[in-house]
Amino acid sequence: MIRSAALGGLFIGVLSALPIVGAANCCCCLWVVSGGALAAYLQVQQENRTLTGGEGAAVGALAGVIGAFVWLPIVVMVAAVMGPLQQAFLEEMARNAQDIPPEAREILESLGGGRNVASYFVLFFLQLFVGALVAALGGILAAAYFKKEIPPALGGNWVPPLPPQ
């Protein structure tokens, strides 16, 4: 279960931390749900049996927690690399746009400031708790979708048809 959750968490953390790709999380937490579903799918393939909803939720939630811990160092490194480039771009844009209204200029100047430690702390805990819940939902959905049905001839459950009335 740990291997499946770790791979799902790696999927969540890396794709959520990348600047442009991470924006897809605005669409129903796309990467978080997909990472939980990936973890449940990998667990189904590893055990070669159907997961219950609770097992899918557990592996998905664990993937969400691992994803938050993968997300934090990546987003800090990306901000450290992209911060100066973003600051230079915004300064150049503000210097060249002399005819923009003062309100828009204030917004441009406020975008240039980097995140402080407190904002990373808040975002990490948001990613940790909300990500675990949403990834658990992805695990439940994947457990329901990727069922391993065993045919009755091999010992699976067979329900006889109802007799005619």
N, C-alpha and C. Protein backbone atom coordinates (compact mmCIF):
# COMPACT_ATOMS: atom_id res chain seq x y z
N MET A 1 0.83 -1.19 0.00
CA MET A 1 0.00 0.00 0.00
C MET A 1 0.87 1.25 0.00
N ILE A 2 2.01 1.18 0.66
CA ILE A 2 2.88 2.35 0.75
C ILE A 2 3.44 2.72 -0.63
N ARG A 3 3.82 1.71 -1.42
CA ARG A 3 4.38 1.98 -2.74
C ARG A 3 3.34 2.65 -3.64
N SER A 4 2.12 2.14 -3.63
CA SER A 4 1.07 2.72 -4.45
C SER A 4 0.77 4.15 -4.01
N ALA A 5 0.69 4.37 -2.71
CA ALA A 5 0.41 5.71 -2.19
C ALA A 5 1.57 6.66 -2.48
N ALA A 6 2.80 6.15 -2.41
CA ALA A 6 3.96 7.01 -2.68
C ALA A 6 3.98 7.46 -4.14
N LEU A 7 3.66 6.57 -5.05
CA LEU A 7 3.62 6.95 -6.46
C LEU A 7 2.48 7.92 -6.74
N GLY A 8 1.32 7.68 -6.13
CA GLY A 8 0.20 8.62 -6.26
C GLY A 8 0.54 9.97 -5.65
N GLY A 9 1.21 9.96 -4.49
CA GLY A 9 1.61 11.21 -3.85
C GLY A 9 2.65 11.97 -4.65
N LEU A 10 3.57 11.25 -5.27
CA LEU A 10 4.56 11.88 -6.14
C LEU A 10 3.87 12.55 -7.32
N PHE A 11 2.88 11.89 -7.88
CA PHE A 11 2.08 12.44 -8.97
C PHE A 11 1.39 13.73 -8.51
N ILE A 12 0.77 13.68 -7.33
CA ILE A 12 0.06 14.85 -6.80
C ILE A 12 1.03 15.99 -6.54
N GLY A 13 2.11 15.70 -5.83
CA GLY A 13 3.03 16.75 -5.41
C GLY A 13 3.72 17.45 -6.56
N VAL A 14 4.21 16.69 -7.51
CA VAL A 14 4.96 17.28 -8.62
C VAL A 14 4.04 18.09 -9.53
N LEU A 15 2.91 17.51 -9.92
CA LEU A 15 2.04 18.22 -10.85
C LEU A 15 1.34 19.41 -10.19
N SER A 16 1.09 19.36 -8.89
CA SER A 16 0.47 20.49 -8.21
C SER A 16 1.45 21.63 -8.00
N ALA A 17 2.75 21.34 -7.94
CA ALA A 17 3.75 22.37 -7.66
C ALA A 17 4.22 23.10 -8.92
N LEU A 18 4.08 22.50 -10.06
CA LEU A 18 4.54 23.15 -11.29
C LEU A 18 3.66 24.35 -11.61
N PRO A 19 4.25 25.47 -12.03
CA PRO A 19 3.49 26.71 -12.17
C PRO A 19 2.29 26.65 -13.12
N ILE A 20 2.47 26.28 -14.36
CA ILE A 20 1.35 26.30 -15.31
C ILE A 20 0.51 25.04 -15.19
N VAL A 21 1.15 23.90 -15.03
CA VAL A 21 0.45 22.63 -14.91
C VAL A 21 -0.38 22.59 -13.63
N GLY A 22 0.13 23.17 -12.55
CA GLY A 22 -0.58 23.18 -11.27
C GLY A 22 -1.87 23.97 -11.32
N ALA A 23 -2.01 24.85 -12.30
CA ALA A 23 -3.24 25.63 -12.42
C ALA A 23 -4.44 24.74 -12.73
N ALA A 24 -4.21 23.54 -13.23
CA ALA A 24 -5.31 22.61 -13.52
C ALA A 24 -5.97 22.13 -12.23
N ASN A 25 -5.33 22.33 -11.08
CA ASN A 25 -5.96 21.97 -9.81
C ASN A 25 -7.18 22.84 -9.53
N CYS A 26 -7.28 23.99 -10.21
CA CYS A 26 -8.47 24.82 -10.06
C CYS A 26 -9.69 24.11 -10.64
N CYS A 27 -9.47 23.17 -11.52
CA CYS A 27 -10.55 22.41 -12.15
C CYS A 27 -10.84 21.17 -11.30
N CYS A 28 -11.61 21.36 -10.25
CA CYS A 28 -12.04 20.27 -9.38
C CYS A 28 -10.87 19.49 -8.78
N CYS A 29 -9.81 20.16 -8.43
CA CYS A 29 -8.63 19.51 -7.83
C CYS A 29 -8.16 18.35 -8.70
N LEU A 30 -7.97 18.61 -9.96
CA LEU A 30 -7.71 17.56 -10.96
C LEU A 30 -6.54 16.66 -10.58
N TRP A 31 -5.39 17.23 -10.21
CA TRP A 31 -4.23 16.40 -9.94
C TRP A 31 -4.38 15.63 -8.64
N VAL A 32 -5.07 16.20 -7.68
CA VAL A 32 -5.22 15.53 -6.39
C VAL A 32 -6.16 14.32 -6.53
N VAL A 33 -7.28 14.52 -7.21
CA VAL A 33 -8.20 13.40 -7.44
C VAL A 33 -7.53 12.33 -8.29
N SER A 34 -6.80 12.76 -9.31
CA SER A 34 -6.12 11.80 -10.19
C SER A 34 -5.03 11.03 -9.45
N GLY A 35 -4.33 11.70 -8.55
CA GLY A 35 -3.29 11.01 -7.77
C GLY A 35 -3.87 9.97 -6.83
N GLY A 36 -5.01 10.28 -6.20
CA GLY A 36 -5.68 9.30 -5.36
C GLY A 36 -6.19 8.13 -6.17
N ALA A 37 -6.73 8.43 -7.35
CA ALA A 37 -7.19 7.36 -8.23
C ALA A 37 -6.03 6.52 -8.74
N LEU A 38 -4.91 7.15 -9.05
CA LEU A 38 -3.73 6.40 -9.49
C LEU A 38 -3.24 5.47 -8.39
N ALA A 39 -3.22 5.95 -7.16
CA ALA A 39 -2.78 5.11 -6.05
C ALA A 39 -3.70 3.90 -5.88
N ALA A 40 -5.01 4.11 -5.98
CA ALA A 40 -5.94 2.99 -5.85
C ALA A 40 -5.81 2.03 -7.02
N TYR A 41 -5.62 2.55 -8.22
CA TYR A 41 -5.43 1.69 -9.38
C TYR A 41 -4.18 0.82 -9.23
N LEU A 42 -3.09 1.44 -8.79
CA LEU A 42 -1.86 0.68 -8.60
C LEU A 42 -2.02 -0.37 -7.51
N GLN A 43 -2.81 -0.06 -6.50
CA GLN A 43 -3.05 -1.03 -5.43
C GLN A 43 -3.87 -2.21 -5.95
N VAL A 44 -4.85 -1.94 -6.80
CA VAL A 44 -5.64 -3.02 -7.41
C VAL A 44 -4.73 -3.92 -8.25
N GLN A 45 -3.84 -3.31 -9.02
CA GLN A 45 -2.94 -4.09 -9.86
C GLN A 45 -1.94 -4.89 -9.03
N GLN A 46 -1.50 -4.32 -7.91
CA GLN A 46 -0.53 -5.01 -7.08
C GLN A 46 -1.15 -6.20 -6.36
N GLU A 47 -2.36 -6.03 -5.82
CA GLU A 47 -2.99 -7.11 -5.07
C GLU A 47 -3.80 -8.04 -5.95
N ASN A 48 -4.09 -7.63 -7.18
CA ASN A 48 -4.86 -8.43 -8.12
C ASN A 48 -6.21 -8.84 -7.55
N ARG A 49 -6.85 -7.90 -6.90
CA ARG A 49 -8.20 -8.12 -6.37
C ARG A 49 -8.91 -6.77 -6.31
N THR A 50 -10.21 -6.83 -6.11
CA THR A 50 -11.01 -5.62 -5.99
C THR A 50 -10.78 -4.98 -4.63
N LEU A 51 -10.62 -3.66 -4.62
CA LEU A 51 -10.51 -2.92 -3.36
C LEU A 51 -11.89 -2.52 -2.88
N THR A 52 -12.06 -2.50 -1.59
CA THR A 52 -13.30 -1.94 -1.04
C THR A 52 -13.21 -0.43 -1.09
N GLY A 53 -14.32 0.22 -0.88
CA GLY A 53 -14.31 1.68 -0.86
C GLY A 53 -13.42 2.24 0.23
N GLY A 54 -13.40 1.59 1.38
CA GLY A 54 -12.56 2.04 2.48
C GLY A 54 -11.08 1.88 2.18
N GLU A 55 -10.72 0.78 1.53
CA GLU A 55 -9.32 0.59 1.15
C GLU A 55 -8.89 1.62 0.10
N GLY A 56 -9.79 1.90 -0.84
CA GLY A 56 -9.49 2.92 -1.85
C GLY A 56 -9.34 4.30 -1.21
N ALA A 57 -10.20 4.59 -0.24
CA ALA A 57 -10.10 5.88 0.47
C ALA A 57 -8.81 5.96 1.27
N ALA A 58 -8.41 4.87 1.89
CA ALA A 58 -7.19 4.87 2.70
C ALA A 58 -5.95 5.10 1.85
N VAL A 59 -5.85 4.37 0.74
CA VAL A 59 -4.67 4.53 -0.11
C VAL A 59 -4.68 5.91 -0.78
N GLY A 60 -5.86 6.41 -1.12
CA GLY A 60 -5.96 7.75 -1.71
C GLY A 60 -5.60 8.84 -0.71
N ALA A 61 -6.08 8.72 0.53
CA ALA A 61 -5.75 9.72 1.55
C ALA A 61 -4.27 9.72 1.87
N LEU A 62 -3.67 8.54 1.92
CA LEU A 62 -2.23 8.46 2.16
C LEU A 62 -1.46 9.10 1.00
N ALA A 63 -1.95 8.91 -0.21
CA ALA A 63 -1.32 9.57 -1.36
C ALA A 63 -1.46 11.08 -1.25
N GLY A 64 -2.58 11.57 -0.74
CA GLY A 64 -2.75 13.01 -0.55
C GLY A 64 -1.79 13.57 0.47
N VAL A 65 -1.57 12.84 1.56
CA VAL A 65 -0.62 13.28 2.60
C VAL A 65 0.80 13.29 2.04
N ILE A 66 1.17 12.23 1.36
CA ILE A 66 2.51 12.16 0.76
C ILE A 66 2.67 13.27 -0.28
N GLY A 67 1.61 13.52 -1.04
CA GLY A 67 1.65 14.58 -2.04
C GLY A 67 1.91 15.95 -1.45
N ALA A 68 1.38 16.22 -0.27
CA ALA A 68 1.62 17.52 0.37
C ALA A 68 3.09 17.66 0.76
N PHE A 69 3.68 16.56 1.24
CA PHE A 69 5.09 16.62 1.63
C PHE A 69 6.01 16.66 0.41
N VAL A 70 5.58 16.16 -0.72
CA VAL A 70 6.35 16.27 -1.96
C VAL A 70 6.18 17.68 -2.54
N TRP A 71 4.97 18.22 -2.42
CA TRP A 71 4.65 19.54 -2.98
C TRP A 71 5.47 20.66 -2.37
N LEU A 72 5.66 20.64 -1.05
CA LEU A 72 6.28 21.76 -0.35
C LEU A 72 7.69 22.07 -0.84
N PRO A 73 8.64 21.13 -0.87
CA PRO A 73 9.98 21.53 -1.33
C PRO A 73 10.02 21.91 -2.80
N ILE A 74 9.18 21.30 -3.60
CA ILE A 74 9.18 21.63 -5.03
C ILE A 74 8.67 23.04 -5.25
N VAL A 75 7.59 23.42 -4.57
CA VAL A 75 7.03 24.75 -4.78
C VAL A 75 7.97 25.83 -4.23
N VAL A 76 8.71 25.52 -3.17
CA VAL A 76 9.68 26.48 -2.65
C VAL A 76 10.83 26.65 -3.64
N MET A 77 11.32 25.55 -4.21
CA MET A 77 12.40 25.65 -5.20
C MET A 77 11.95 26.37 -6.46
N VAL A 78 10.75 26.09 -6.92
CA VAL A 78 10.24 26.76 -8.12
C VAL A 78 10.09 28.25 -7.85
N ALA A 79 9.61 28.61 -6.67
CA ALA A 79 9.46 30.03 -6.33
C ALA A 79 10.83 30.71 -6.24
N ALA A 80 11.83 30.01 -5.73
CA ALA A 80 13.16 30.60 -5.63
C ALA A 80 13.76 30.84 -7.02
N VAL A 81 13.48 29.96 -7.95
CA VAL A 81 14.03 30.11 -9.30
C VAL A 81 13.21 31.12 -10.11
N MET A 82 11.88 31.01 -10.02
CA MET A 82 11.02 31.85 -10.84
C MET A 82 10.78 33.24 -10.25
N GLY A 83 10.99 33.42 -8.96
CA GLY A 83 10.71 34.71 -8.31
C GLY A 83 11.45 35.87 -8.93
N PRO A 84 12.78 35.80 -9.06
CA PRO A 84 13.50 36.92 -9.68
C PRO A 84 13.09 37.16 -11.14
N LEU A 85 12.82 36.10 -11.88
CA LEU A 85 12.39 36.27 -13.27
C LEU A 85 11.03 36.95 -13.33
N GLN A 86 10.14 36.54 -12.45
CA GLN A 86 8.81 37.14 -12.41
C GLN A 86 8.91 38.61 -11.99
N GLN A 87 9.75 38.91 -11.02
CA GLN A 87 9.93 40.28 -10.56
C GLN A 87 10.46 41.16 -11.69
N ALA A 88 11.44 40.68 -12.43
CA ALA A 88 12.00 41.45 -13.55
C ALA A 88 10.97 41.66 -14.64
N PHE A 89 10.17 40.64 -14.92
CA PHE A 89 9.13 40.76 -15.94
C PHE A 89 8.09 41.80 -15.54
N LEU A 90 7.66 41.78 -14.28
CA LEU A 90 6.66 42.74 -13.83
C LEU A 90 7.20 44.16 -13.80
N GLU A 91 8.46 44.33 -13.42
CA GLU A 91 9.06 45.66 -13.44
C GLU A 91 9.15 46.20 -14.86
N GLU A 92 9.53 45.35 -15.80
CA GLU A 92 9.62 45.77 -17.19
C GLU A 92 8.24 46.12 -17.74
N MET A 93 7.25 45.35 -17.38
CA MET A 93 5.90 45.62 -17.85
C MET A 93 5.38 46.92 -17.25
N ALA A 94 5.65 47.18 -15.99
CA ALA A 94 5.20 48.42 -15.35
C ALA A 94 5.93 49.63 -15.94
N ARG A 95 7.19 49.47 -16.30
CA ARG A 95 7.97 50.56 -16.87
C ARG A 95 7.47 50.91 -18.27
N ASN A 96 7.08 49.91 -19.05
CA ASN A 96 6.64 50.14 -20.42
C ASN A 96 5.18 50.55 -20.53
N ALA A 97 4.40 50.31 -19.52
CA ALA A 97 2.96 50.62 -19.57
C ALA A 97 2.69 51.90 -18.78
N GLN A 98 2.97 53.04 -19.40
CA GLN A 98 2.78 54.32 -18.73
C GLN A 98 1.34 54.78 -18.74
N ASP A 99 0.53 54.25 -19.66
CA ASP A 99 -0.83 54.75 -19.80
C ASP A 99 -1.87 53.90 -19.05
N ILE A 100 -1.44 53.01 -18.18
CA ILE A 100 -2.43 52.19 -17.45
C ILE A 100 -2.92 52.97 -16.23
N PRO A 101 -4.14 52.70 -15.79
CA PRO A 101 -4.70 53.41 -14.63
C PRO A 101 -3.90 53.11 -13.35
N PRO A 102 -3.95 54.00 -12.37
CA PRO A 102 -3.20 53.80 -11.13
C PRO A 102 -3.61 52.54 -10.38
N GLU A 103 -4.89 52.17 -10.45
CA GLU A 103 -5.35 50.96 -9.76
C GLU A 103 -4.69 49.71 -10.35
N ALA A 104 -4.60 49.68 -11.66
CA ALA A 104 -3.97 48.53 -12.31
C ALA A 104 -2.47 48.50 -12.01
N ARG A 105 -1.85 49.68 -11.92
CA ARG A 105 -0.42 49.74 -11.58
C ARG A 105 -0.18 49.21 -10.17
N GLU A 106 -1.07 49.51 -9.24
CA GLU A 106 -0.94 48.99 -7.87
C GLU A 106 -1.05 47.47 -7.85
N ILE A 107 -1.95 46.95 -8.65
CA ILE A 107 -2.12 45.50 -8.72
C ILE A 107 -0.86 44.86 -9.28
N LEU A 108 -0.29 45.45 -10.33
CA LEU A 108 0.95 44.92 -10.91
C LEU A 108 2.08 44.94 -9.89
N GLU A 109 2.18 46.01 -9.13
CA GLU A 109 3.25 46.10 -8.13
C GLU A 109 3.04 45.11 -6.99
N SER A 110 1.78 44.84 -6.65
CA SER A 110 1.53 43.87 -5.57
C SER A 110 1.82 42.44 -6.01
N LEU A 111 1.72 42.17 -7.31
CA LEU A 111 2.02 40.82 -7.79
C LEU A 111 3.49 40.49 -7.69
N GLY A 112 4.34 41.49 -7.67
CA GLY A 112 5.77 41.26 -7.66
C GLY A 112 6.29 40.68 -6.37
N GLY A 113 5.60 40.89 -5.26
CA GLY A 113 6.09 40.40 -3.98
C GLY A 113 6.02 38.88 -3.89
N GLY A 114 7.07 38.28 -3.36
CA GLY A 114 7.09 36.83 -3.21
C GLY A 114 6.26 36.40 -2.00
N ARG A 115 6.09 35.11 -1.87
CA ARG A 115 5.35 34.57 -0.73
C ARG A 115 6.25 34.55 0.50
N ASN A 116 5.64 34.78 1.64
CA ASN A 116 6.40 34.68 2.88
C ASN A 116 6.23 33.30 3.48
N VAL A 117 6.92 33.04 4.58
CA VAL A 117 6.90 31.72 5.21
C VAL A 117 5.50 31.36 5.69
N ALA A 118 4.76 32.33 6.20
CA ALA A 118 3.41 32.06 6.71
C ALA A 118 2.48 31.59 5.59
N SER A 119 2.63 32.15 4.40
CA SER A 119 1.74 31.72 3.31
C SER A 119 2.08 30.28 2.89
N TYR A 120 3.36 29.91 2.90
CA TYR A 120 3.71 28.52 2.60
C TYR A 120 3.17 27.58 3.68
N PHE A 121 3.19 28.03 4.91
CA PHE A 121 2.66 27.23 6.03
C PHE A 121 1.17 26.97 5.84
N VAL A 122 0.43 28.03 5.52
CA VAL A 122 -1.02 27.89 5.31
C VAL A 122 -1.31 27.02 4.09
N LEU A 123 -0.60 27.26 2.99
CA LEU A 123 -0.82 26.46 1.78
C LEU A 123 -0.46 25.00 1.98
N PHE A 124 0.59 24.74 2.78
CA PHE A 124 0.96 23.36 3.05
C PHE A 124 -0.15 22.64 3.81
N PHE A 125 -0.69 23.27 4.86
CA PHE A 125 -1.75 22.60 5.62
C PHE A 125 -3.03 22.49 4.82
N LEU A 126 -3.30 23.43 3.95
CA LEU A 126 -4.45 23.30 3.05
C LEU A 126 -4.24 22.12 2.12
N GLN A 127 -3.04 22.02 1.55
CA GLN A 127 -2.72 20.89 0.67
C GLN A 127 -2.78 19.57 1.45
N LEU A 128 -2.34 19.60 2.70
CA LEU A 128 -2.30 18.38 3.51
C LEU A 128 -3.70 17.87 3.82
N PHE A 129 -4.54 18.69 4.39
CA PHE A 129 -5.85 18.23 4.85
C PHE A 129 -6.87 18.15 3.71
N VAL A 130 -7.00 19.19 2.94
CA VAL A 130 -7.96 19.15 1.83
C VAL A 130 -7.49 18.16 0.78
N GLY A 131 -6.17 18.13 0.53
CA GLY A 131 -5.64 17.17 -0.44
C GLY A 131 -5.88 15.73 -0.03
N ALA A 132 -5.76 15.44 1.26
CA ALA A 132 -6.01 14.07 1.73
C ALA A 132 -7.48 13.70 1.52
N LEU A 133 -8.38 14.63 1.80
CA LEU A 133 -9.81 14.33 1.62
C LEU A 133 -10.17 14.15 0.14
N VAL A 134 -9.66 15.02 -0.69
CA VAL A 134 -9.99 14.94 -2.12
C VAL A 134 -9.33 13.73 -2.76
N ALA A 135 -8.10 13.42 -2.36
CA ALA A 135 -7.44 12.22 -2.89
C ALA A 135 -8.15 10.95 -2.42
N ALA A 136 -8.70 10.98 -1.21
CA ALA A 136 -9.49 9.83 -0.74
C ALA A 136 -10.71 9.64 -1.63
N LEU A 137 -11.32 10.74 -2.04
CA LEU A 137 -12.46 10.65 -2.96
C LEU A 137 -12.02 10.02 -4.28
N GLY A 138 -10.84 10.41 -4.78
CA GLY A 138 -10.31 9.79 -5.99
C GLY A 138 -10.05 8.31 -5.80
N GLY A 139 -9.57 7.92 -4.61
CA GLY A 139 -9.35 6.50 -4.32
C GLY A 139 -10.64 5.72 -4.28
N ILE A 140 -11.69 6.31 -3.72
CA ILE A 140 -13.00 5.64 -3.68
C ILE A 140 -13.53 5.44 -5.10
N LEU A 141 -13.43 6.49 -5.91
CA LEU A 141 -13.92 6.39 -7.29
C LEU A 141 -13.15 5.34 -8.08
N ALA A 142 -11.84 5.29 -7.89
CA ALA A 142 -11.03 4.31 -8.62
C ALA A 142 -11.32 2.90 -8.13
N ALA A 143 -11.55 2.73 -6.82
CA ALA A 143 -11.87 1.39 -6.30
C ALA A 143 -13.19 0.90 -6.89
N ALA A 144 -14.13 1.81 -7.08
CA ALA A 144 -15.41 1.42 -7.67
C ALA A 144 -15.27 1.14 -9.17
N TYR A 145 -14.40 1.86 -9.83
CA TYR A 145 -14.28 1.73 -11.28
C TYR A 145 -13.41 0.55 -11.70
N PHE A 146 -12.31 0.32 -11.00
CA PHE A 146 -11.36 -0.72 -11.39
C PHE A 146 -11.60 -2.01 -10.61
N LYS A 147 -12.81 -2.51 -10.67
CA LYS A 147 -13.13 -3.76 -9.98
C LYS A 147 -12.54 -4.93 -10.74
N LYS A 148 -12.07 -5.89 -9.98
CA LYS A 148 -11.59 -7.14 -10.57
C LYS A 148 -12.71 -8.17 -10.39
N GLU A 149 -13.51 -8.32 -11.41
CA GLU A 149 -14.60 -9.27 -11.35
C GLU A 149 -14.08 -10.67 -11.63
N ILE A 150 -14.40 -11.59 -10.75
CA ILE A 150 -13.98 -12.99 -10.91
C ILE A 150 -15.17 -13.76 -11.46
N PRO A 151 -14.99 -14.46 -12.56
CA PRO A 151 -16.11 -15.21 -13.13
C PRO A 151 -16.56 -16.32 -12.16
N PRO A 152 -17.84 -16.67 -12.20
CA PRO A 152 -18.35 -17.72 -11.31
C PRO A 152 -17.63 -19.05 -11.47
N ALA A 153 -17.15 -19.38 -12.66
CA ALA A 153 -16.47 -20.65 -12.87
C ALA A 153 -15.14 -20.71 -12.10
N LEU A 154 -14.58 -19.54 -11.76
CA LEU A 154 -13.32 -19.50 -11.02
C LEU A 154 -13.53 -19.22 -9.54
N GLY A 155 -14.77 -19.28 -9.08
CA GLY A 155 -15.02 -19.09 -7.66
C GLY A 155 -15.57 -17.74 -7.29
N GLY A 156 -15.95 -16.93 -8.28
CA GLY A 156 -16.51 -15.62 -7.97
C GLY A 156 -17.94 -15.73 -7.49
N ASN A 157 -18.48 -14.64 -7.05
CA ASN A 157 -19.85 -14.61 -6.57
C ASN A 157 -20.81 -14.67 -7.76
N TRP A 158 -21.74 -15.59 -7.68
CA TRP A 158 -22.75 -15.71 -8.70
C TRP A 158 -24.10 -15.67 -8.05
N VAL A 159 -24.92 -14.81 -8.50
CA VAL A 159 -26.26 -14.70 -7.96
C VAL A 159 -27.21 -15.32 -8.97
N PRO A 160 -27.94 -16.37 -8.54
CA PRO A 160 -28.85 -17.01 -9.50
C PRO A 160 -30.00 -16.07 -9.83
N PRO A 161 -30.54 -16.17 -11.04
CA PRO A 161 -31.66 -15.29 -11.42
C PRO A 161 -32.90 -15.66 -10.58
N LEU A 162 -33.76 -14.70 -10.44
CA LEU A 162 -35.01 -14.92 -9.70
C LEU A 162 -35.91 -15.85 -10.51
N PRO A 163 -36.63 -16.71 -9.81
CA PRO A 163 -37.54 -17.61 -10.55
C PRO A 163 -38.72 -16.82 -11.12
N PRO A 164 -39.24 -17.27 -12.26
CA PRO A 164 -40.40 -16.56 -12.87
C PRO A 164 -41.62 -16.69 -11.99
N GLN A 165 -42.41 -15.67 -12.00
CA GLN A 165 -43.62 -15.68 -11.16
C GLN A 165 -44.87 -15.80 -11.97
